[in-house]
C-alpha atoms as a PDB file:
ATOM      1  CA  MET A   1      88.258  86.560 112.938  1.00  0.00           C
ATOM      2  CA  ASN A   2      91.638  87.583 113.183  1.00  0.00           C
ATOM      3  CA  VAL A   3      91.517  91.109 113.831  1.00  0.00           C
ATOM      4  CA  LEU A   4      89.121  93.152 116.078  1.00  0.00           C
ATOM      5  CA  TRP A   5      89.195  97.032 116.251  1.00  0.00           C
ATOM      6  CA  ILE A   6      87.593  98.582 119.400  1.00  0.00           C
ATOM      7  CA  LEU A   7      87.183 102.198 119.053  1.00  0.00           C
ATOM      8  CA  THR A   8      87.546 104.246 122.330  1.00  0.00           C
ATOM      9  CA  GLY A   9      87.609 108.017 123.322  1.00  0.00           C
ATOM     10  CA  LYS A  10      90.945 109.813 123.875  1.00  0.00           C
ATOM     11  CA  GLY A  11      89.433 110.432 127.762  1.00  0.00           C
ATOM     12  CA  GLU A  12      89.443 106.537 127.972  1.00  0.00           C
ATOM     13  CA  GLU A  13      92.998 105.688 127.562  1.00  0.00           C
ATOM     14  CA  ASP A  14      94.128 105.694 131.019  1.00  0.00           C
ATOM     15  CA  ARG A  15      91.023 103.799 132.144  1.00  0.00           C
ATOM     16  CA  ILE A  16      91.591 101.292 129.617  1.00  0.00           C
ATOM     17  CA  ARG A  17      95.698 101.180 130.134  1.00  0.00           C
ATOM     18  CA  GLN A  18      94.880 100.318 133.826  1.00  0.00           C
ATOM     19  CA  GLU A  19      92.438  97.666 132.901  1.00  0.00           C
ATOM     20  CA  LEU A  20      94.825  95.839 130.457  1.00  0.00           C
ATOM     21  CA  ILE A  21      97.302  95.994 132.851  1.00  0.00           C
ATOM     22  CA  LYS A  22      95.242  94.471 135.670  1.00  0.00           C
ATOM     23  CA  HIS A  23      94.404  91.416 133.095  1.00  0.00           C
ATOM     24  CA  TYR A  24      97.520  90.920 131.282  1.00  0.00           C
ATOM     25  CA  GLY A  25     100.094  92.685 133.237  1.00  0.00           C
ATOM     26  CA  LYS A  26     102.379  95.221 132.093  1.00  0.00           C
ATOM     27  CA  PRO A  27     102.784  96.026 128.505  1.00  0.00           C
ATOM     28  CA  ILE A  28     105.738  94.075 126.442  1.00  0.00           C
ATOM     29  CA  PHE A  29     106.285  96.801 124.154  1.00  0.00           C
ATOM     30  CA  ILE A  30     105.867 100.651 124.073  1.00  0.00           C
ATOM     31  CA  ASN A  31     106.150 103.775 121.947  1.00  0.00           C
ATOM     32  CA  ASP A  32     104.580 106.614 120.913  1.00  0.00           C
ATOM     33  CA  ASP A  33     101.902 105.331 119.499  1.00  0.00           C
ATOM     34  CA  TRP A  34     101.429 102.088 121.201  1.00  0.00           C
ATOM     35  CA  GLU A  35     101.154  99.931 124.315  1.00  0.00           C
ATOM     36  CA  ILE A  36     101.320  96.207 123.331  1.00  0.00           C
ATOM     37  CA  PHE A  37     100.122  93.193 125.707  1.00  0.00           C
ATOM     38  CA  ASN A  38      99.556  89.575 126.086  1.00  0.00           C
ATOM     39  CA  ASP A  39     102.361  88.160 123.841  1.00  0.00           C
ATOM     40  CA  TRP A  40     101.240  90.604 121.002  1.00  0.00           C
ATOM     41  CA  GLN A  41      97.608  89.872 121.093  1.00  0.00           C
ATOM     42  CA  ILE A  42      96.433  93.045 122.467  1.00  0.00           C
ATOM     43  CA  GLY A  43      97.210  96.771 121.200  1.00  0.00           C
ATOM     44  CA  LEU A  44      96.189 100.075 122.827  1.00  0.00           C
ATOM     45  CA  ARG A  45      96.427 102.267 120.490  1.00  0.00           C
ATOM     46  CA  LYS A  46      97.559 105.919 121.476  1.00  0.00           C
ATOM     47  CA  ASP A  47      97.573 108.236 118.414  1.00  0.00           C
ATOM     48  CA  LYS A  48      94.143 107.045 117.754  1.00  0.00           C
ATOM     49  CA  PRO A  49      91.558 105.769 120.353  1.00  0.00           C
ATOM     50  CA  GLU A  50      91.524 102.211 119.815  1.00  0.00           C
ATOM     51  CA  VAL A  51      92.178  98.515 121.294  1.00  0.00           C
ATOM     52  CA  LEU A  52      93.643  95.863 118.771  1.00  0.00           C
ATOM     53  CA  VAL A  53      92.809  92.329 119.438  1.00  0.00           C
ATOM     54  CA  MET A  54      94.447  89.895 117.007  1.00  0.00           C
ATOM     55  CA  THR A  55      95.351  86.550 116.874  1.00  0.00           C
ATOM     56  CA  LYS A  56      98.842  84.998 117.701  1.00  0.00           C
ATOM     57  CA  GLU A  57      99.815  84.813 114.172  1.00  0.00           C
ATOM     58  CA  ILE A  58      98.681  88.372 113.453  1.00  0.00           C
ATOM     59  CA  GLY A  59     100.367  89.569 116.206  1.00  0.00           C
ATOM     60  CA  MET A  60     103.934  88.043 115.223  1.00  0.00           C
ATOM     61  CA  PHE A  61     103.591  89.439 112.129  1.00  0.00           C
ATOM     62  CA  TYR A  62     102.846  93.035 113.633  1.00  0.00           C
ATOM     63  CA  LYS A  63     105.931  92.658 115.727  1.00  0.00           C
ATOM     64  CA  LYS A  64     108.251  91.528 113.045  1.00  0.00           C
ATOM     65  CA  ASP A  65     107.152  93.526 110.040  1.00  0.00           C
ATOM     66  CA  TYR A  66     105.394  96.628 111.405  1.00  0.00           C
ATOM     67  CA  PHE A  67     107.098  97.093 114.603  1.00  0.00           C
ATOM     68  CA  LYS A  68     110.588  95.901 113.886  1.00  0.00           C
ATOM     69  CA  GLN A  69     111.227  93.643 116.580  1.00  0.00           C
END
């Protein structure tokens, strides 16, 4: 498995963010729609209530091609 989407509720965003910070530290990338953690392996999606868990390779692809970092 390379990518795992966890569907959440918009009302859970702050609680999930705090748990991600607790476990992975502050996000390494933030924009209007995303907060990225754990060296591009965990994403908190804010435009749709989801958490994205991905392999390092997929994370680096997103970083370069999707987020233009």
